[in-house]
Protein backbone atom coordinates (compact mmCIF):
# COMPACT_ATOMS: atom_id res chain seq x y z
CA MET A 1 -1.11 145.99 225.20
CA ARG A 2 -4.63 147.33 224.80
CA LYS A 3 -6.08 143.42 224.54
CA PRO A 4 -7.98 143.15 221.07
CA LEU A 5 -11.73 143.52 220.89
CA ILE A 6 -13.04 140.63 218.51
CA GLY A 7 -16.78 140.75 217.86
CA LEU A 8 -18.91 137.45 218.00
CA THR A 9 -22.16 136.84 216.41
CA THR A 10 -24.77 135.03 217.71
CA TYR A 11 -27.34 132.50 217.99
CA LEU A 12 -31.52 134.06 218.48
CA ALA A 13 -32.85 131.31 219.85
CA ASP A 14 -35.06 130.15 222.22
CA ALA A 15 -33.85 128.79 225.12
CA ARG A 16 -34.03 127.27 228.83
CA TRP A 17 -32.25 128.49 232.09
CA GLY A 18 -33.23 128.61 235.23
CA GLU A 19 -37.16 128.43 235.39
CA TRP A 20 -36.98 130.53 232.54
CA ALA A 21 -37.64 129.76 228.98
CA LEU A 22 -36.70 132.80 226.79
CA PRO A 23 -36.11 134.10 223.14
CA ALA A 24 -32.37 134.49 223.46
CA ALA A 25 -29.08 135.69 221.80
CA LEU A 26 -26.47 133.57 223.48
CA LEU A 27 -22.81 131.37 221.98
CA PRO A 28 -21.00 128.19 223.49
CA ALA A 29 -19.10 129.99 225.64
CA ALA A 30 -16.39 127.69 224.15
CA TYR A 31 -16.06 130.98 221.96
CA THR A 32 -15.60 133.80 224.33
CA SER A 33 -13.04 131.52 226.69
CA CYS A 34 -11.22 130.39 223.79
CA LEU A 35 -10.26 133.89 222.46
CA GLN A 36 -9.90 135.40 225.79
CA SER A 37 -7.55 132.71 226.29
CA ALA A 38 -5.53 134.16 223.18
CA GLY A 39 -5.44 137.09 224.18
CA GLY A 40 -8.43 138.87 222.75
CA ARG A 41 -11.51 140.51 224.30
CA ALA A 42 -15.07 139.00 223.61
CA VAL A 43 -18.06 141.10 222.64
CA LEU A 44 -21.47 139.50 221.43
CA LEU A 45 -23.25 140.80 218.51
CA PRO A 46 -26.49 139.89 218.22
CA PRO A 47 -28.50 140.12 215.03
CA ASP A 48 -29.33 143.75 214.65
CA ALA A 49 -30.05 146.13 211.78
CA PRO A 50 -28.35 145.30 208.53
CA GLU A 51 -27.38 149.50 208.45
CA ALA A 52 -25.98 149.08 212.26
CA ALA A 53 -23.20 147.07 211.47
CA ALA A 54 -20.64 149.95 209.77
CA ASP A 55 -20.78 152.01 213.24
CA VAL A 56 -20.57 148.49 215.45
CA VAL A 57 -18.13 147.29 213.28
CA GLU A 58 -16.03 150.22 213.19
CA ASN A 59 -15.57 149.68 217.43
CA LEU A 60 -13.72 146.49 217.02
CA ASP A 61 -9.80 145.42 216.04
CA ALA A 62 -12.07 141.64 214.22
CA ILE A 63 -14.42 139.53 213.35
CA VAL A 64 -15.76 136.01 214.05
CA LEU A 65 -18.49 134.88 211.92
CA THR A 66 -19.84 131.81 213.97
CA SER A 67 -21.51 128.78 213.31
CA GLY A 68 -25.16 127.68 213.48
CA GLU A 69 -27.81 127.41 211.30
CA ASP A 70 -28.19 126.26 207.76
CA LEU A 71 -27.50 129.64 205.30
CA ASP A 72 -30.86 130.43 202.89
CA PRO A 73 -30.77 128.94 200.26
CA ALA A 74 -32.36 131.94 198.22
CA LEU A 75 -29.27 133.71 199.19
CA TYR A 76 -27.52 131.96 196.44
CA GLY A 77 -30.15 131.42 194.09
CA ALA A 78 -30.74 127.92 195.35
CA GLN A 79 -34.46 125.83 196.41
CA PRO A 80 -34.53 123.84 199.50
CA HIS A 81 -33.26 120.55 199.83
CA PRO A 82 -35.77 118.38 202.04
CA CYS A 83 -32.39 118.03 204.36
CA THR A 84 -32.22 122.32 204.87
CA GLY A 85 -32.99 123.80 208.22
CA PRO A 86 -35.57 126.88 208.21
CA PRO A 87 -33.84 129.38 207.47
CA VAL A 88 -33.04 132.14 210.17
CA ARG A 89 -33.11 136.06 207.67
CA GLU A 90 -32.39 138.07 210.55
CA ARG A 91 -29.77 136.92 211.62
CA ASP A 92 -28.59 136.27 207.56
CA ARG A 93 -29.30 139.55 206.89
CA TRP A 94 -27.32 140.76 210.03
CA GLU A 95 -24.15 138.94 209.56
CA ARG A 96 -23.30 139.76 206.09
CA ALA A 97 -23.87 143.29 206.63
CA VAL A 98 -21.20 142.26 209.57
CA LEU A 99 -19.36 140.82 206.82
CA ALA A 100 -19.47 143.81 203.94
CA ALA A 101 -18.54 146.39 206.84
CA ALA A 102 -15.40 144.00 207.95
CA LEU A 103 -13.89 143.54 204.69
CA ALA A 104 -14.46 147.07 203.26
CA ARG A 105 -12.07 147.91 206.57
CA ASP A 106 -10.37 145.13 205.80
CA MET A 107 -10.53 144.10 209.04
CA PRO A 108 -9.41 140.76 210.32
CA VAL A 109 -12.42 138.10 209.81
CA LEU A 110 -12.86 133.99 211.18
CA GLY A 111 -16.01 131.91 209.81
CA ILE A 112 -16.19 129.16 211.81
CA CYS A 113 -18.95 126.38 209.97
CA ARG A 114 -21.72 128.55 209.26
CA GLY A 115 -19.39 131.44 208.94
CA MET A 116 -16.53 130.37 206.37
CA GLN A 117 -19.89 129.11 204.81
CA LEU A 118 -21.60 132.62 204.56
CA MET A 119 -18.12 133.45 203.44
CA ASN A 120 -18.20 132.03 200.37
CA VAL A 121 -21.58 133.15 199.66
CA HIS A 122 -21.18 136.88 200.32
CA ALA A 123 -18.23 136.27 197.78
CA GLY A 124 -21.02 134.95 195.59
CA GLY A 125 -20.70 130.66 195.63
CA THR A 126 -22.66 128.12 196.76
CA LEU A 127 -23.81 125.72 199.04
CA LEU A 128 -24.02 121.94 198.93
CA GLN A 129 -26.96 121.66 200.49
CA HIS A 130 -27.31 118.17 201.93
CA LEU A 131 -22.98 116.90 201.52
CA PRO A 132 -23.63 113.26 202.20
CA GLU A 133 -25.50 112.92 199.24
CA LYS A 134 -22.16 113.73 197.49
CA VAL A 135 -19.53 112.62 199.12
CA GLY A 136 -21.68 109.39 200.17
CA HIS A 137 -21.12 109.34 204.34
CA HIS A 138 -22.21 110.95 207.34
CA GLY A 139 -18.29 111.20 208.82
CA HIS A 140 -18.65 115.39 208.90
CA ASN A 141 -21.75 114.71 211.10
CA PRO A 142 -22.52 110.98 212.09
CA TYR A 143 -24.55 112.44 215.64
CA GLY A 144 -26.81 114.60 216.79
CA GLY A 145 -25.01 117.29 219.11
CA GLN A 146 -20.93 115.97 218.55
CA PHE A 147 -18.23 117.09 217.16
CA ALA A 148 -16.15 114.42 214.47
CA PRO A 149 -13.19 114.71 214.66
CA HIS A 150 -11.07 113.61 211.23
CA PRO A 151 -8.44 114.91 209.27
CA VAL A 152 -8.10 117.24 206.85
CA THR A 153 -4.79 118.00 205.41
CA THR A 154 -3.90 121.98 204.25
CA VAL A 155 -2.88 123.89 201.02
CA PRO A 156 1.08 124.84 200.78
CA GLY A 157 1.18 128.25 200.30
CA THR A 158 -1.60 129.40 202.35
CA ARG A 159 -2.28 131.14 205.24
CA LEU A 160 -3.36 128.44 206.67
CA GLY A 161 -1.16 126.23 205.26
CA ALA A 162 1.78 128.25 207.68
CA LEU A 163 -0.22 128.09 210.35
CA LEU A 164 -0.95 123.95 210.32
CA PRO A 165 0.52 122.74 207.57
CA GLY A 166 0.34 119.01 207.02
CA THR A 167 -3.04 117.00 208.08
CA SER A 168 -4.26 117.30 211.58
CA ARG A 169 -7.30 116.55 213.46
CA VAL A 170 -10.21 118.86 213.79
CA ALA A 171 -13.95 118.49 215.13
CA ALA A 172 -16.44 119.07 212.90
CA HIS A 173 -20.51 119.38 212.49
CA HIS A 174 -22.01 120.01 209.43
CA HIS A 175 -24.06 118.45 207.14
CA GLN A 176 -23.74 121.48 203.89
CA ALA A 177 -19.90 122.07 201.96
CA VAL A 178 -18.44 124.55 200.21
CA ASP A 179 -19.91 124.15 196.58
CA SER A 180 -18.58 126.16 193.98
CA LEU A 181 -15.91 128.57 195.40
CA GLY A 182 -16.49 132.62 195.49
CA ALA A 183 -14.65 135.34 193.92
CA GLY A 184 -11.11 136.08 195.70
CA LEU A 185 -10.90 132.85 197.62
CA VAL A 186 -9.00 129.99 197.52
CA VAL A 187 -9.01 126.34 198.72
CA SER A 188 -6.66 125.81 202.02
CA ALA A 189 -7.51 123.27 203.36
CA ARG A 190 -9.28 119.65 202.74
CA ALA A 191 -10.82 116.47 203.69
CA VAL A 192 -9.23 112.80 202.77
CA ASP A 193 -13.05 112.38 200.79
CA GLY A 194 -11.96 116.81 199.09
CA THR A 195 -14.36 117.94 201.03
CA ILE A 196 -13.61 121.73 201.21
CA GLU A 197 -12.97 122.53 204.63
CA ALA A 198 -11.01 125.82 204.66
CA ILE A 199 -11.28 128.83 202.60
CA GLU A 200 -9.00 132.55 202.90
CA SER A 201 -9.41 135.45 200.28
CA THR A 202 -7.07 136.93 198.65
CA ARG A 203 -7.94 140.13 198.72
CA HIS A 204 -7.75 140.94 202.71
CA ARG A 205 -4.51 140.67 204.83
CA PHE A 206 -7.35 137.93 207.64
CA ALA A 207 -10.24 136.62 206.22
CA VAL A 208 -9.66 132.91 206.49
CA GLY A 209 -13.15 130.56 207.06
CA VAL A 210 -12.78 126.71 208.77
CA GLN A 211 -15.04 124.45 208.77
CA TRP A 212 -14.28 123.06 211.05
CA HIS A 213 -15.05 124.33 215.32
CA PRO A 214 -10.94 125.52 216.20
CA GLU A 215 -12.63 126.88 219.50
CA ALA A 216 -13.43 123.33 220.90
CA ALA A 217 -9.31 122.71 220.53
CA PHE A 218 -8.61 125.96 223.76
CA GLU A 219 -5.11 126.00 222.02
CA SER A 220 -5.89 126.79 218.59
CA ALA A 221 -3.90 128.13 216.28
CA VAL A 222 -6.63 129.34 214.26
CA VAL A 223 -7.63 131.42 217.23
CA HIS A 224 -4.22 132.44 218.43
CA ALA A 225 -3.46 133.80 213.88
CA LEU A 226 -6.63 135.90 214.28
CA VAL A 227 -6.18 137.80 218.02
CA ALA A 228 -2.72 138.60 216.29
CA ALA A 229 -4.07 139.95 212.98
CA ALA A 230 -6.40 141.89 215.34
CA ARG A 231 -3.77 143.65 217.37
CA SER A 232 -1.44 144.07 214.83
CA GLY A 233 -4.02 145.89 212.65
CA ASP A 234 -5.07 149.35 211.44
CA ARG A 235 -8.84 149.89 211.83
CA GLY A 236 -8.06 152.48 208.77
CA ALA A 237 -6.81 150.04 206.38
CA VAL A 238 -7.72 150.37 203.29
CA VAL A 239 -9.03 146.82 200.66
CA PRO A 240 -6.32 146.22 198.18
CA ALA A 241 -7.68 146.43 194.44
CA ALA A 242 -8.83 143.04 193.62
CA GLY A 243 -6.31 140.76 192.84
CA GLN A 244 -3.61 141.93 195.25
CA ASP A 245 -1.77 140.04 197.56
CA PRO A 246 -2.58 142.32 200.43
CA ARG A 247 1.20 141.60 202.56
CA THR A 248 2.40 142.92 199.20
CA GLY A 249 0.38 144.73 196.97
CA ARG A 250 1.67 142.61 193.88
CA GLN A 251 -0.88 139.82 191.84
CA PRO A 252 -0.16 136.41 194.06
CA SER A 253 1.21 133.80 192.79
CA GLY A 254 0.21 130.69 190.56
CA ALA A 255 1.52 128.40 193.76
CA VAL A 256 -2.12 128.77 195.07
CA ALA A 257 -4.80 126.88 193.02
CA SER A 258 -8.56 127.71 193.55
CA THR A 259 -9.21 123.69 193.48
CA PRO A 260 -6.44 121.81 194.41
CA GLY A 261 -6.72 117.53 194.98
CA PRO A 262 -7.17 116.62 198.41
C-alpha cells in the first residue's frame, strides 16, 4: 500500500550548523519522525508564492501546519501586543494559501500550536496575544525552549474526544491562544484554566487543530489519525455545504457546543 504524502510547513529562519550560518527552511526532526512512524511520507513545504499553493497541495494527501512564530495580528484586525513577536509575513501568506487549498479539496489538515491558531484566524476568529494576562499564570510556557506538560480535557462528541477521551497530559509551549472562535469550528479540548486547547471543523472530514505538540509523543493518536485519514482520502473530494456533518451530510447535532466548559 502506498504511504500517504503529507506536507509539513516549515520555519524560514537564520540557522547555524557545522561551519555554516545561513538562512534556512527548517523543521524539528520530531515532526518528520513522528509522521514516518505513523506510516506517512513527510514532504517539507518551505514558504513559497501563495499562488503556487494549489499546485503543491494537489500532489499531497494531507497537510500539517506546524508551530513557530506568532501570527501577524493584522490578520485578525488587531494591533500588536508588546509581547507579540515580529511577524513573518512571507510564512503567514504561504501557510494561509496552503490551508485554503487543502480545505477546498477537503484534504486532512492538522494544525499544531501556531497551525491551530492559523486555522482559527483563517476562519475569521481572533487570538489572545498574551495568555498570561488572561489566565494569571505562565503555565503554558514557563521556560524558554522547553515543553510544559499539563492536562487537557477533550469534549465528548468531537473527533478529538473519540481519539483522546477524558483527560490527557500533553506537551505545550505557547503564550498565545484562541480567543473568539472562527466560523464552522468547535472547541474539542480545554485546559484546566479554560484555555482552548483544540478545535476542529464541522465542515470538513478531518480538520483538527491542537495547541499542544503531538509530535513530542512518538506514538501520538492524533498523528496516527491524520495518517489514517490521509490514507483513506480522496484527493478530489468535494467539501460539504456549510453546517453539514462531512461524514453524514446532515446538520451536526446540538451535542457539540462551540463554547463548552473546561
